[in-house]
N, C-alpha and C. Protein backbone atom coordinates (compact mmCIF):
# COMPACT_ATOMS: atom_id res chain seq x y z
N MET A 1 145.17 -110.70 129.10
CA MET A 1 144.40 -110.71 127.86
C MET A 1 144.08 -109.29 127.42
N THR A 2 143.84 -109.09 126.17
CA THR A 2 143.58 -107.75 125.65
C THR A 2 142.17 -107.30 125.98
N SER A 3 141.95 -106.01 125.89
CA SER A 3 140.62 -105.46 126.13
C SER A 3 140.40 -104.31 125.17
N LEU A 4 139.14 -103.94 124.99
CA LEU A 4 138.81 -102.82 124.15
C LEU A 4 139.06 -101.52 124.90
N PRO A 5 139.31 -100.41 124.21
CA PRO A 5 139.49 -99.12 124.89
C PRO A 5 138.25 -98.76 125.68
N ARG A 6 138.44 -98.19 126.86
CA ARG A 6 137.29 -97.86 127.70
C ARG A 6 136.35 -96.87 127.02
N ARG A 7 136.90 -96.01 126.19
CA ARG A 7 136.03 -95.04 125.52
C ARG A 7 135.03 -95.72 124.59
N ALA A 8 135.31 -96.99 124.22
CA ALA A 8 134.40 -97.71 123.33
C ALA A 8 133.07 -97.99 123.98
N PHE A 9 133.03 -97.90 125.30
CA PHE A 9 131.81 -98.24 126.01
C PHE A 9 130.98 -97.00 126.34
N GLY A 10 131.54 -95.83 126.12
CA GLY A 10 130.80 -94.62 126.46
C GLY A 10 130.41 -94.60 127.93
N HIS A 11 131.27 -95.17 128.80
CA HIS A 11 130.88 -95.33 130.18
C HIS A 11 130.70 -94.01 130.91
N GLU A 12 131.35 -92.94 130.40
CA GLU A 12 131.17 -91.65 131.04
C GLU A 12 129.74 -91.14 130.87
N LEU A 13 129.03 -91.66 129.87
CA LEU A 13 127.64 -91.28 129.66
C LEU A 13 126.68 -92.14 130.48
N VAL A 14 127.19 -93.28 130.96
CA VAL A 14 126.34 -94.18 131.73
C VAL A 14 126.42 -93.84 133.21
N PHE A 15 127.61 -93.76 133.75
CA PHE A 15 127.80 -93.26 135.10
C PHE A 15 129.25 -92.90 135.30
N SER A 16 129.51 -92.18 136.33
CA SER A 16 130.88 -91.81 136.65
C SER A 16 131.40 -92.66 137.79
N ASP A 17 132.58 -93.27 137.60
CA ASP A 17 133.21 -94.04 138.67
C ASP A 17 133.85 -93.14 139.72
N ASN A 18 133.89 -91.84 139.47
CA ASN A 18 134.67 -90.97 140.32
C ASN A 18 133.90 -90.38 141.50
N SER A 19 132.58 -90.48 141.49
CA SER A 19 131.82 -89.92 142.59
C SER A 19 132.05 -90.74 143.85
N GLY A 20 132.04 -90.06 145.00
CA GLY A 20 132.27 -90.74 146.27
C GLY A 20 131.24 -91.82 146.54
N LYS A 21 129.98 -91.52 146.24
CA LYS A 21 128.91 -92.49 146.47
C LYS A 21 129.10 -93.71 145.59
N ARG A 22 129.47 -93.48 144.33
CA ARG A 22 129.67 -94.59 143.40
C ARG A 22 130.83 -95.48 143.85
N LYS A 23 131.93 -94.84 144.28
CA LYS A 23 133.07 -95.62 144.75
C LYS A 23 132.71 -96.46 145.95
N LEU A 24 131.92 -95.91 146.87
CA LEU A 24 131.50 -96.67 148.05
C LEU A 24 130.62 -97.85 147.66
N GLN A 25 129.69 -97.61 146.74
CA GLN A 25 128.80 -98.67 146.27
C GLN A 25 129.61 -99.82 145.65
N LEU A 26 130.59 -99.47 144.81
CA LEU A 26 131.39 -100.49 144.14
C LEU A 26 132.31 -101.21 145.12
N ALA A 27 132.80 -100.48 146.13
CA ALA A 27 133.64 -101.11 147.15
C ALA A 27 132.83 -102.13 147.96
N LEU A 28 131.61 -101.76 148.33
CA LEU A 28 130.73 -102.67 149.05
C LEU A 28 130.42 -103.91 148.21
N LYS A 29 130.21 -103.66 146.92
CA LYS A 29 129.92 -104.76 146.00
C LYS A 29 131.08 -105.76 145.97
N ARG A 30 132.31 -105.26 145.86
CA ARG A 30 133.48 -106.14 145.79
C ARG A 30 133.70 -106.88 147.10
N LEU A 31 133.56 -106.20 148.23
CA LEU A 31 133.72 -106.85 149.53
C LEU A 31 132.68 -107.96 149.71
N PHE A 32 131.46 -107.68 149.30
CA PHE A 32 130.38 -108.68 149.39
C PHE A 32 130.70 -109.88 148.50
N ASP A 33 131.18 -109.61 147.29
CA ASP A 33 131.54 -110.68 146.37
C ASP A 33 132.61 -111.59 146.98
N ILE A 34 133.63 -111.00 147.57
CA ILE A 34 134.73 -111.78 148.15
C ILE A 34 134.22 -112.64 149.30
N ALA A 35 133.46 -112.02 150.20
CA ALA A 35 132.99 -112.74 151.38
C ALA A 35 132.07 -113.90 151.01
N ILE A 36 131.11 -113.64 150.14
CA ILE A 36 130.14 -114.67 149.79
C ILE A 36 130.75 -115.76 148.93
N SER A 37 131.57 -115.40 147.96
CA SER A 37 132.17 -116.42 147.08
C SER A 37 133.12 -117.32 147.86
N PHE A 38 133.93 -116.74 148.75
CA PHE A 38 134.84 -117.55 149.56
C PHE A 38 134.07 -118.49 150.48
N GLY A 39 133.07 -117.95 151.17
CA GLY A 39 132.27 -118.78 152.07
C GLY A 39 131.54 -119.88 151.33
N ALA A 40 131.02 -119.56 150.15
CA ALA A 40 130.28 -120.55 149.36
C ALA A 40 131.20 -121.66 148.86
N LEU A 41 132.41 -121.29 148.43
CA LEU A 41 133.35 -122.29 147.94
C LEU A 41 133.75 -123.26 149.04
N VAL A 42 133.93 -122.76 150.25
CA VAL A 42 134.27 -123.63 151.38
C VAL A 42 133.09 -124.55 151.70
N ALA A 43 131.89 -123.97 151.77
CA ALA A 43 130.71 -124.75 152.13
C ALA A 43 130.35 -125.78 151.07
N LEU A 44 130.61 -125.45 149.81
CA LEU A 44 130.21 -126.32 148.70
C LEU A 44 131.29 -127.31 148.28
N ALA A 45 132.41 -127.31 148.98
CA ALA A 45 133.51 -128.21 148.62
C ALA A 45 133.06 -129.68 148.53
N PRO A 46 132.28 -130.20 149.49
CA PRO A 46 131.81 -131.59 149.38
C PRO A 46 130.95 -131.82 148.13
N LEU A 47 130.10 -130.86 147.80
CA LEU A 47 129.27 -130.98 146.60
C LEU A 47 130.13 -131.00 145.35
N PHE A 48 131.14 -130.15 145.32
CA PHE A 48 132.05 -130.12 144.17
C PHE A 48 132.70 -131.49 143.96
N LEU A 49 133.08 -132.15 145.06
CA LEU A 49 133.73 -133.45 144.97
C LEU A 49 132.78 -134.49 144.41
N VAL A 50 131.54 -134.49 144.89
CA VAL A 50 130.53 -135.45 144.40
C VAL A 50 130.26 -135.22 142.92
N VAL A 51 130.07 -133.96 142.53
CA VAL A 51 129.80 -133.64 141.12
C VAL A 51 130.97 -134.07 140.24
N ALA A 52 132.18 -133.85 140.71
CA ALA A 52 133.36 -134.23 139.94
C ALA A 52 133.38 -135.73 139.68
N VAL A 53 133.07 -136.53 140.70
CA VAL A 53 133.04 -137.99 140.54
C VAL A 53 131.95 -138.40 139.55
N LEU A 54 130.77 -137.79 139.64
CA LEU A 54 129.66 -138.13 138.74
C LEU A 54 129.99 -137.79 137.28
N ILE A 55 130.64 -136.66 137.08
CA ILE A 55 131.00 -136.27 135.72
C ILE A 55 132.00 -137.27 135.12
N LYS A 56 132.99 -137.66 135.92
CA LYS A 56 133.99 -138.60 135.43
C LYS A 56 133.38 -139.97 135.14
N LEU A 57 132.39 -140.39 135.95
CA LEU A 57 131.74 -141.68 135.73
C LEU A 57 130.81 -141.64 134.52
N ASP A 58 130.27 -140.46 134.22
CA ASP A 58 129.26 -140.34 133.16
C ASP A 58 129.87 -140.34 131.77
N SER A 59 130.99 -139.65 131.59
CA SER A 59 131.61 -139.56 130.26
C SER A 59 133.08 -139.21 130.40
N PRO A 60 133.90 -139.64 129.45
CA PRO A 60 135.34 -139.32 129.51
C PRO A 60 135.59 -137.85 129.26
N GLY A 61 136.62 -137.33 129.93
CA GLY A 61 136.97 -135.93 129.76
C GLY A 61 137.19 -135.24 131.09
N PRO A 62 137.58 -133.99 131.06
CA PRO A 62 137.86 -133.24 132.30
C PRO A 62 136.58 -132.91 133.07
N VAL A 63 136.74 -132.63 134.36
CA VAL A 63 135.60 -132.24 135.21
C VAL A 63 135.15 -130.83 134.87
N PHE A 64 136.10 -129.94 134.69
CA PHE A 64 135.80 -128.54 134.40
C PHE A 64 136.11 -128.23 132.94
N PHE A 65 135.50 -127.16 132.45
CA PHE A 65 135.93 -126.62 131.17
C PHE A 65 135.93 -125.11 131.28
N SER A 66 136.79 -124.48 130.51
CA SER A 66 136.87 -123.02 130.54
C SER A 66 136.51 -122.48 129.17
N GLN A 67 136.09 -121.24 129.18
CA GLN A 67 135.62 -120.62 127.95
C GLN A 67 135.95 -119.13 127.99
N VAL A 68 136.35 -118.57 126.85
CA VAL A 68 136.67 -117.14 126.78
C VAL A 68 135.38 -116.34 126.64
N ARG A 69 135.21 -115.37 127.52
CA ARG A 69 134.01 -114.53 127.48
C ARG A 69 134.39 -113.08 127.75
N TRP A 70 133.42 -112.18 127.51
CA TRP A 70 133.64 -110.76 127.76
C TRP A 70 133.65 -110.48 129.27
N GLY A 71 134.67 -109.72 129.71
CA GLY A 71 134.73 -109.26 131.08
C GLY A 71 134.52 -107.76 131.15
N ARG A 72 134.89 -107.18 132.27
CA ARG A 72 134.71 -105.75 132.45
C ARG A 72 135.58 -104.97 131.48
N TYR A 73 135.02 -103.90 130.92
CA TYR A 73 135.69 -103.06 129.93
C TYR A 73 136.19 -103.85 128.72
N GLY A 74 135.51 -104.94 128.40
CA GLY A 74 135.85 -105.70 127.22
C GLY A 74 137.07 -106.58 127.37
N LYS A 75 137.60 -106.70 128.60
CA LYS A 75 138.71 -107.63 128.81
C LYS A 75 138.20 -109.05 128.60
N LYS A 76 138.96 -109.86 127.90
CA LYS A 76 138.57 -111.25 127.67
C LYS A 76 139.03 -112.12 128.83
N ILE A 77 138.10 -112.82 129.44
CA ILE A 77 138.39 -113.62 130.62
C ILE A 77 138.05 -115.09 130.36
N ASN A 78 138.66 -115.97 131.11
CA ASN A 78 138.34 -117.39 131.07
C ASN A 78 137.41 -117.71 132.23
N ILE A 79 136.21 -118.17 131.91
CA ILE A 79 135.27 -118.54 132.97
C ILE A 79 135.27 -120.07 133.11
N PHE A 80 134.91 -120.54 134.31
CA PHE A 80 134.93 -121.96 134.59
C PHE A 80 133.52 -122.49 134.84
N LYS A 81 133.28 -123.69 134.37
CA LYS A 81 132.01 -124.37 134.60
C LYS A 81 132.29 -125.87 134.76
N PHE A 82 131.35 -126.58 135.40
CA PHE A 82 131.41 -128.03 135.35
C PHE A 82 131.07 -128.46 133.93
N ARG A 83 131.81 -129.42 133.41
CA ARG A 83 131.54 -129.89 132.05
C ARG A 83 130.19 -130.59 132.01
N SER A 84 129.32 -130.14 131.11
CA SER A 84 127.99 -130.72 130.98
C SER A 84 127.77 -131.32 129.60
N MET A 85 128.77 -131.24 128.74
CA MET A 85 128.67 -131.79 127.38
C MET A 85 129.74 -132.84 127.15
N ARG A 86 129.50 -133.67 126.15
CA ARG A 86 130.52 -134.63 125.74
C ARG A 86 131.78 -133.89 125.33
N ASN A 87 132.90 -134.39 125.77
CA ASN A 87 134.16 -133.70 125.52
C ASN A 87 134.47 -133.58 124.04
N ASP A 88 134.03 -134.56 123.24
CA ASP A 88 134.34 -134.54 121.81
C ASP A 88 133.37 -133.69 121.00
N LEU A 89 132.27 -133.26 121.64
CA LEU A 89 131.27 -132.47 120.93
C LEU A 89 131.10 -131.06 121.49
N GLY A 90 131.75 -130.78 122.61
CA GLY A 90 131.57 -129.48 123.26
C GLY A 90 132.07 -128.33 122.39
N ASP A 91 131.47 -127.17 122.59
CA ASP A 91 131.82 -125.96 121.83
C ASP A 91 132.65 -125.05 122.72
N LYS A 92 133.96 -125.00 122.49
CA LYS A 92 134.84 -124.18 123.33
C LYS A 92 134.56 -122.69 123.17
N THR A 93 134.01 -122.29 122.03
CA THR A 93 133.78 -120.87 121.81
C THR A 93 132.51 -120.38 122.51
N GLY A 94 131.53 -121.25 122.70
CA GLY A 94 130.27 -120.85 123.30
C GLY A 94 129.34 -120.15 122.35
N VAL A 95 129.73 -120.01 121.08
CA VAL A 95 128.91 -119.30 120.10
C VAL A 95 127.67 -120.11 119.74
N LYS A 96 127.83 -121.42 119.62
CA LYS A 96 126.70 -122.28 119.28
C LYS A 96 125.85 -122.54 120.52
N GLN A 97 124.64 -121.97 120.54
CA GLN A 97 123.79 -122.11 121.71
C GLN A 97 123.14 -123.48 121.75
N THR A 98 122.79 -123.89 122.98
CA THR A 98 122.16 -125.19 123.15
C THR A 98 120.70 -125.14 122.68
N VAL A 99 120.18 -126.30 122.31
CA VAL A 99 118.80 -126.43 121.89
C VAL A 99 118.15 -127.54 122.70
N GLU A 100 116.84 -127.64 122.61
CA GLU A 100 116.13 -128.68 123.34
C GLU A 100 116.60 -130.05 122.88
N ASN A 101 116.82 -130.95 123.85
CA ASN A 101 117.32 -132.30 123.58
C ASN A 101 118.65 -132.28 122.83
N ASP A 102 119.50 -131.35 123.17
CA ASP A 102 120.80 -131.20 122.52
C ASP A 102 121.62 -132.48 122.73
N PRO A 103 122.05 -133.14 121.65
CA PRO A 103 122.78 -134.40 121.77
C PRO A 103 124.16 -134.24 122.40
N ARG A 104 124.65 -133.00 122.51
CA ARG A 104 125.97 -132.79 123.09
C ARG A 104 125.95 -132.92 124.61
N ILE A 105 124.78 -132.76 125.23
CA ILE A 105 124.68 -132.72 126.68
C ILE A 105 124.63 -134.13 127.26
N THR A 106 125.45 -134.38 128.26
CA THR A 106 125.49 -135.69 128.92
C THR A 106 124.32 -135.84 129.88
N LYS A 107 124.14 -137.05 130.40
CA LYS A 107 123.04 -137.30 131.34
C LYS A 107 123.21 -136.48 132.61
N ILE A 108 124.39 -136.54 133.20
CA ILE A 108 124.63 -135.75 134.41
C ILE A 108 124.66 -134.27 134.06
N GLY A 109 125.11 -133.96 132.84
CA GLY A 109 125.16 -132.57 132.40
C GLY A 109 123.78 -131.94 132.34
N ALA A 110 122.79 -132.72 131.90
CA ALA A 110 121.41 -132.20 131.84
C ALA A 110 120.93 -131.81 133.22
N PHE A 111 121.26 -132.64 134.21
CA PHE A 111 120.87 -132.33 135.60
C PHE A 111 121.61 -131.10 136.11
N LEU A 112 122.89 -131.04 135.83
CA LEU A 112 123.68 -129.90 136.29
C LEU A 112 123.16 -128.59 135.70
N ARG A 113 122.78 -128.60 134.43
CA ARG A 113 122.28 -127.40 133.79
C ARG A 113 120.89 -127.04 134.30
N ARG A 114 120.07 -128.06 134.53
CA ARG A 114 118.71 -127.81 135.01
C ARG A 114 118.70 -127.19 136.40
N THR A 115 119.68 -127.54 137.21
CA THR A 115 119.75 -127.02 138.58
C THR A 115 120.74 -125.86 138.73
N ASN A 116 121.39 -125.48 137.64
CA ASN A 116 122.41 -124.41 137.64
C ASN A 116 123.68 -124.79 138.38
N ILE A 117 123.83 -126.05 138.79
CA ILE A 117 125.04 -126.46 139.49
C ILE A 117 126.26 -126.31 138.59
N ASP A 118 126.06 -126.44 137.27
CA ASP A 118 127.20 -126.31 136.35
C ASP A 118 127.85 -124.93 136.42
N GLU A 119 127.11 -123.92 136.92
CA GLU A 119 127.62 -122.56 136.99
C GLU A 119 128.46 -122.30 138.25
N LEU A 120 128.38 -123.18 139.25
CA LEU A 120 129.00 -122.91 140.54
C LEU A 120 130.51 -122.67 140.49
N PRO A 121 131.27 -123.34 139.60
CA PRO A 121 132.72 -123.03 139.55
C PRO A 121 133.03 -121.58 139.22
N GLN A 122 132.06 -120.83 138.71
CA GLN A 122 132.30 -119.42 138.43
C GLN A 122 132.46 -118.61 139.72
N LEU A 123 132.19 -119.26 140.87
CA LEU A 123 132.50 -118.61 142.14
C LEU A 123 133.99 -118.33 142.25
N PHE A 124 134.83 -119.18 141.61
CA PHE A 124 136.26 -118.90 141.56
C PHE A 124 136.52 -117.61 140.78
N ASN A 125 135.77 -117.41 139.69
CA ASN A 125 135.91 -116.17 138.91
C ASN A 125 135.51 -114.95 139.72
N VAL A 126 134.46 -115.12 140.55
CA VAL A 126 134.02 -114.02 141.41
C VAL A 126 135.09 -113.69 142.44
N LEU A 127 135.63 -114.74 143.06
CA LEU A 127 136.63 -114.53 144.11
C LEU A 127 137.86 -113.81 143.59
N ARG A 128 138.30 -114.14 142.38
CA ARG A 128 139.52 -113.52 141.87
C ARG A 128 139.27 -112.21 141.13
N GLY A 129 138.00 -111.80 141.02
CA GLY A 129 137.69 -110.47 140.50
C GLY A 129 137.33 -110.39 139.04
N ASP A 130 137.24 -111.53 138.35
CA ASP A 130 136.82 -111.52 136.95
C ASP A 130 135.33 -111.24 136.82
N MET A 131 134.56 -111.73 137.80
CA MET A 131 133.11 -111.63 137.76
C MET A 131 132.59 -111.10 139.08
N SER A 132 131.30 -110.89 139.13
CA SER A 132 130.60 -110.49 140.35
C SER A 132 129.44 -111.45 140.56
N LEU A 133 128.90 -111.47 141.75
CA LEU A 133 127.72 -112.30 141.99
C LEU A 133 126.55 -111.80 141.14
N ILE A 134 126.42 -110.47 141.04
CA ILE A 134 125.33 -109.86 140.29
C ILE A 134 125.91 -108.92 139.23
N GLY A 135 125.36 -109.02 138.03
CA GLY A 135 125.79 -108.15 136.93
C GLY A 135 125.26 -108.70 135.62
N PRO A 136 125.52 -108.03 134.52
CA PRO A 136 125.11 -108.57 133.22
C PRO A 136 125.74 -109.94 133.00
N ARG A 137 124.98 -110.89 132.49
CA ARG A 137 125.50 -112.23 132.30
C ARG A 137 126.70 -112.21 131.34
N CYS A 138 127.62 -113.14 131.59
CA CYS A 138 128.88 -113.21 130.88
C CYS A 138 128.68 -113.86 129.51
N HIS A 139 128.79 -113.09 128.44
CA HIS A 139 128.58 -113.61 127.09
C HIS A 139 129.88 -114.09 126.47
N ALA A 140 129.77 -115.15 125.66
CA ALA A 140 130.89 -115.61 124.86
C ALA A 140 131.22 -114.56 123.80
N VAL A 141 132.50 -114.41 123.48
CA VAL A 141 132.93 -113.48 122.43
C VAL A 141 132.41 -114.01 121.09
N GLY A 142 131.71 -113.15 120.35
CA GLY A 142 131.15 -113.57 119.07
C GLY A 142 129.80 -114.25 119.20
N MET A 143 129.16 -114.12 120.36
CA MET A 143 127.87 -114.76 120.58
C MET A 143 126.81 -114.18 119.64
N LEU A 144 125.98 -115.05 119.11
CA LEU A 144 124.95 -114.65 118.15
C LEU A 144 123.56 -114.67 118.77
N ALA A 145 122.71 -113.80 118.28
CA ALA A 145 121.30 -113.78 118.64
C ALA A 145 120.51 -113.79 117.34
N SER A 146 119.82 -114.88 117.09
CA SER A 146 119.07 -115.04 115.85
C SER A 146 119.95 -114.80 114.62
N GLY A 147 121.17 -115.33 114.67
CA GLY A 147 122.07 -115.23 113.54
C GLY A 147 122.85 -113.94 113.42
N MET A 148 122.67 -113.00 114.37
CA MET A 148 123.39 -111.73 114.33
C MET A 148 124.26 -111.57 115.57
N LEU A 149 125.40 -110.91 115.41
CA LEU A 149 126.21 -110.56 116.56
C LEU A 149 125.43 -109.59 117.44
N PHE A 150 125.55 -109.75 118.75
CA PHE A 150 124.88 -108.82 119.66
C PHE A 150 125.30 -107.39 119.39
N GLU A 151 126.59 -107.19 119.03
CA GLU A 151 127.08 -105.85 118.76
C GLU A 151 126.37 -105.21 117.57
N GLU A 152 125.97 -106.03 116.61
CA GLU A 152 125.25 -105.52 115.44
C GLU A 152 123.78 -105.29 115.76
N LEU A 153 123.24 -106.15 116.59
CA LEU A 153 121.82 -106.07 116.93
C LEU A 153 121.51 -104.88 117.84
N VAL A 154 122.41 -104.63 118.79
CA VAL A 154 122.23 -103.53 119.75
C VAL A 154 123.52 -102.71 119.76
N PRO A 155 123.53 -101.53 119.11
CA PRO A 155 124.75 -100.72 119.02
C PRO A 155 125.37 -100.38 120.37
N GLU A 156 124.54 -100.27 121.41
CA GLU A 156 125.04 -99.92 122.74
C GLU A 156 125.51 -101.14 123.53
N TYR A 157 125.59 -102.26 122.87
CA TYR A 157 125.86 -103.54 123.53
C TYR A 157 127.03 -103.48 124.51
N HIS A 158 128.15 -102.91 124.10
CA HIS A 158 129.35 -102.97 124.94
C HIS A 158 129.26 -102.09 126.18
N GLN A 159 128.24 -101.23 126.28
CA GLN A 159 128.08 -100.47 127.52
C GLN A 159 127.76 -101.38 128.69
N ARG A 160 127.22 -102.55 128.42
CA ARG A 160 126.94 -103.50 129.50
C ARG A 160 128.22 -103.98 130.17
N HIS A 161 129.35 -103.83 129.49
CA HIS A 161 130.61 -104.31 130.02
C HIS A 161 131.31 -103.29 130.90
N VAL A 162 130.63 -102.20 131.21
CA VAL A 162 131.16 -101.26 132.19
C VAL A 162 131.25 -101.94 133.56
N MET A 163 130.33 -102.86 133.83
CA MET A 163 130.32 -103.60 135.09
C MET A 163 130.90 -104.98 134.88
N ARG A 164 131.40 -105.58 135.97
CA ARG A 164 131.82 -106.96 135.89
C ARG A 164 130.62 -107.84 135.56
N PRO A 165 130.80 -108.87 134.74
CA PRO A 165 129.69 -109.79 134.47
C PRO A 165 129.31 -110.55 135.74
N GLY A 166 128.06 -110.99 135.82
CA GLY A 166 127.58 -111.61 137.03
C GLY A 166 127.08 -113.04 136.84
N LEU A 167 126.99 -113.75 137.96
CA LEU A 167 126.39 -115.08 137.95
C LEU A 167 124.91 -114.98 137.63
N SER A 168 124.29 -113.93 138.11
CA SER A 168 122.88 -113.65 137.81
C SER A 168 122.74 -112.16 137.60
N GLY A 169 121.62 -111.75 137.00
CA GLY A 169 121.43 -110.34 136.74
C GLY A 169 119.97 -109.98 136.59
N LEU A 170 119.74 -108.71 136.30
CA LEU A 170 118.38 -108.22 136.17
C LEU A 170 117.62 -108.91 135.04
N ALA A 171 118.29 -109.14 133.92
CA ALA A 171 117.64 -109.81 132.79
C ALA A 171 117.17 -111.20 133.17
N GLN A 172 117.97 -111.92 133.95
CA GLN A 172 117.63 -113.29 134.31
C GLN A 172 116.41 -113.36 135.23
N ILE A 173 116.33 -112.46 136.21
CA ILE A 173 115.18 -112.53 137.11
C ILE A 173 113.90 -112.03 136.45
N ARG A 174 114.05 -111.34 135.32
CA ARG A 174 112.88 -110.92 134.56
C ARG A 174 112.49 -111.93 133.49
N GLY A 175 113.17 -113.08 133.50
CA GLY A 175 112.79 -114.17 132.61
C GLY A 175 113.55 -114.27 131.32
N TRP A 176 114.51 -113.34 131.08
CA TRP A 176 115.29 -113.38 129.85
C TRP A 176 116.53 -114.21 130.08
N ARG A 177 116.43 -115.51 129.82
CA ARG A 177 117.53 -116.42 130.07
C ARG A 177 117.44 -117.58 129.09
N GLY A 178 118.54 -118.36 129.03
CA GLY A 178 118.54 -119.48 128.10
C GLY A 178 118.89 -119.04 126.69
N PRO A 179 118.79 -119.94 125.73
CA PRO A 179 119.13 -119.62 124.33
C PRO A 179 118.31 -118.46 123.79
N THR A 180 118.97 -117.62 122.98
CA THR A 180 118.31 -116.46 122.37
C THR A 180 118.09 -116.73 120.89
N THR A 181 116.84 -116.93 120.50
CA THR A 181 116.53 -117.26 119.11
C THR A 181 115.78 -116.13 118.39
N ARG A 182 115.28 -115.16 119.14
CA ARG A 182 114.53 -114.06 118.55
C ARG A 182 115.22 -112.74 118.84
N ARG A 183 115.27 -111.89 117.84
CA ARG A 183 115.98 -110.61 117.99
C ARG A 183 115.33 -109.72 119.05
N GLY A 184 114.00 -109.74 119.13
CA GLY A 184 113.33 -108.93 120.13
C GLY A 184 113.69 -109.36 121.54
N GLU A 185 113.80 -110.67 121.76
CA GLU A 185 114.20 -111.19 123.06
C GLU A 185 115.63 -110.77 123.40
N ALA A 186 116.50 -110.82 122.39
CA ALA A 186 117.89 -110.43 122.61
C ALA A 186 117.98 -108.95 122.99
N ARG A 187 117.23 -108.10 122.29
CA ARG A 187 117.25 -106.67 122.61
C ARG A 187 116.71 -106.42 124.02
N ALA A 188 115.65 -107.13 124.40
CA ALA A 188 115.07 -106.95 125.73
C ALA A 188 116.08 -107.33 126.81
N ARG A 189 116.83 -108.40 126.56
CA ARG A 189 117.85 -108.83 127.51
C ARG A 189 118.92 -107.77 127.67
N ILE A 190 119.39 -107.21 126.56
CA ILE A 190 120.45 -106.21 126.64
C ILE A 190 119.93 -104.92 127.26
N MET A 191 118.67 -104.57 127.00
CA MET A 191 118.10 -103.37 127.61
C MET A 191 118.05 -103.51 129.13
N CYS A 192 117.77 -104.71 129.63
CA CYS A 192 117.80 -104.95 131.07
C CYS A 192 119.21 -104.71 131.61
N ASP A 193 120.22 -105.21 130.88
CA ASP A 193 121.60 -105.03 131.30
C ASP A 193 121.98 -103.55 131.34
N LEU A 194 121.57 -102.81 130.32
CA LEU A 194 121.91 -101.39 130.27
C LEU A 194 121.20 -100.61 131.36
N TYR A 195 119.97 -101.00 131.66
CA TYR A 195 119.26 -100.36 132.79
C TYR A 195 120.01 -100.61 134.09
N TYR A 196 120.46 -101.84 134.28
CA TYR A 196 121.20 -102.18 135.50
C TYR A 196 122.46 -101.32 135.62
N VAL A 197 123.22 -101.20 134.53
CA VAL A 197 124.44 -100.42 134.55
C VAL A 197 124.15 -98.96 134.88
N SER A 198 123.12 -98.41 134.28
CA SER A 198 122.79 -96.99 134.47
C SER A 198 122.23 -96.70 135.85
N ASN A 199 121.60 -97.69 136.48
CA ASN A 199 120.91 -97.47 137.76
C ASN A 199 121.52 -98.29 138.89
N TYR A 200 122.79 -98.66 138.73
CA TYR A 200 123.40 -99.54 139.72
C TYR A 200 123.39 -98.95 141.12
N SER A 201 123.09 -99.81 142.09
CA SER A 201 123.27 -99.51 143.50
C SER A 201 123.46 -100.84 144.22
N PHE A 202 124.07 -100.80 145.39
CA PHE A 202 124.25 -102.01 146.18
C PHE A 202 122.91 -102.61 146.56
N MET A 203 121.93 -101.74 146.82
CA MET A 203 120.59 -102.22 147.17
C MET A 203 119.95 -102.95 146.00
N LEU A 204 120.17 -102.47 144.77
CA LEU A 204 119.65 -103.16 143.60
C LEU A 204 120.26 -104.56 143.50
N ASP A 205 121.56 -104.67 143.78
CA ASP A 205 122.20 -105.99 143.80
C ASP A 205 121.52 -106.92 144.79
N MET A 206 121.23 -106.42 145.98
CA MET A 206 120.59 -107.26 147.01
C MET A 206 119.20 -107.71 146.57
N GLN A 207 118.48 -106.82 145.91
CA GLN A 207 117.14 -107.17 145.42
C GLN A 207 117.23 -108.27 144.36
N ILE A 208 118.20 -108.15 143.45
CA ILE A 208 118.36 -109.15 142.40
C ILE A 208 118.82 -110.47 143.00
N LEU A 209 119.72 -110.42 143.99
CA LEU A 209 120.20 -111.64 144.63
C LEU A 209 119.06 -112.38 145.32
N LEU A 210 118.24 -111.66 146.06
CA LEU A 210 117.11 -112.30 146.75
C LEU A 210 116.11 -112.87 145.75
N ALA A 211 115.87 -112.14 144.67
CA ALA A 211 114.95 -112.63 143.65
C ALA A 211 115.50 -113.88 142.98
N THR A 212 116.82 -113.93 142.79
CA THR A 212 117.46 -115.10 142.20
C THR A 212 117.29 -116.31 143.10
N ILE A 213 117.56 -116.12 144.38
CA ILE A 213 117.42 -117.23 145.34
C ILE A 213 115.97 -117.72 145.39
N ARG A 214 115.04 -116.78 145.38
CA ARG A 214 113.63 -117.12 145.49
C ARG A 214 113.07 -117.77 144.24
N SER A 215 113.48 -117.28 143.07
CA SER A 215 112.80 -117.69 141.84
C SER A 215 113.62 -118.53 140.87
N GLU A 216 114.95 -118.49 140.99
CA GLU A 216 115.76 -119.11 139.96
C GLU A 216 116.46 -120.39 140.38
N VAL A 217 116.97 -120.43 141.61
CA VAL A 217 117.74 -121.58 142.04
C VAL A 217 116.89 -122.84 141.98
N GLY A 218 117.44 -123.86 141.33
CA GLY A 218 116.75 -125.13 141.21
C GLY A 218 115.83 -125.24 140.01
N ARG A 219 115.73 -124.12 139.23
CA ARG A 219 114.89 -124.16 138.04
C ARG A 219 115.70 -123.73 136.82
N GLY A 220 117.00 -124.09 136.78
CA GLY A 220 117.89 -123.60 135.74
C GLY A 220 117.55 -124.14 134.35
N THR A 221 117.78 -123.31 133.38
CA THR A 221 117.64 -123.71 131.99
C THR A 221 118.92 -123.39 131.22
N GLY A 222 119.94 -123.02 131.97
CA GLY A 222 121.20 -122.61 131.32
C GLY A 222 121.15 -121.13 131.02
N PHE A 223 121.97 -120.33 131.77
CA PHE A 223 121.90 -118.86 131.64
C PHE A 223 122.29 -118.41 130.26
């Protein structure tokens, strides 16, 4: 898939990938991603099977759905999720955000979204290198915040794509998650992402991961 030129992100102003310490930090991050995502996929295989059966019993359509989203350096990637919406009403683009009591969401889908189980297939994306366990959340291309493109709302928006998108991130553990209906909330979310990119360390990833496990798992509202 195509990607934007790296210079579009101004990543040389955010950090340098060439320093020895930075390379070590990123290498540790990737090794951790591979180990944890592979182990989790093996351990969660029985759960995946149960969820697949429930989805098929609840509504017609595929178990999984894929969606095009922004990846590292603006590369467009296909992310995977358990289908939580009616197949005939689902939004393949991801631009239309969910609302309370959204009629598109199935009964089992509501549970999957509430518990974040619908996000678990993205472990495949982590394993193959499209995503990371921790990083700025993966946005749909053309995603809107209060009727505006994120790129228009925050000029530095694409700098968040210097890093691989994550299953969870700094913005999420600080409470910026779910549908974005206010411009101030959208800016705050992106500012968290830019802070993470500018101050990345493997230790910061571990802190965010522990905070996610402690505060987020089981209380999902849809990232």
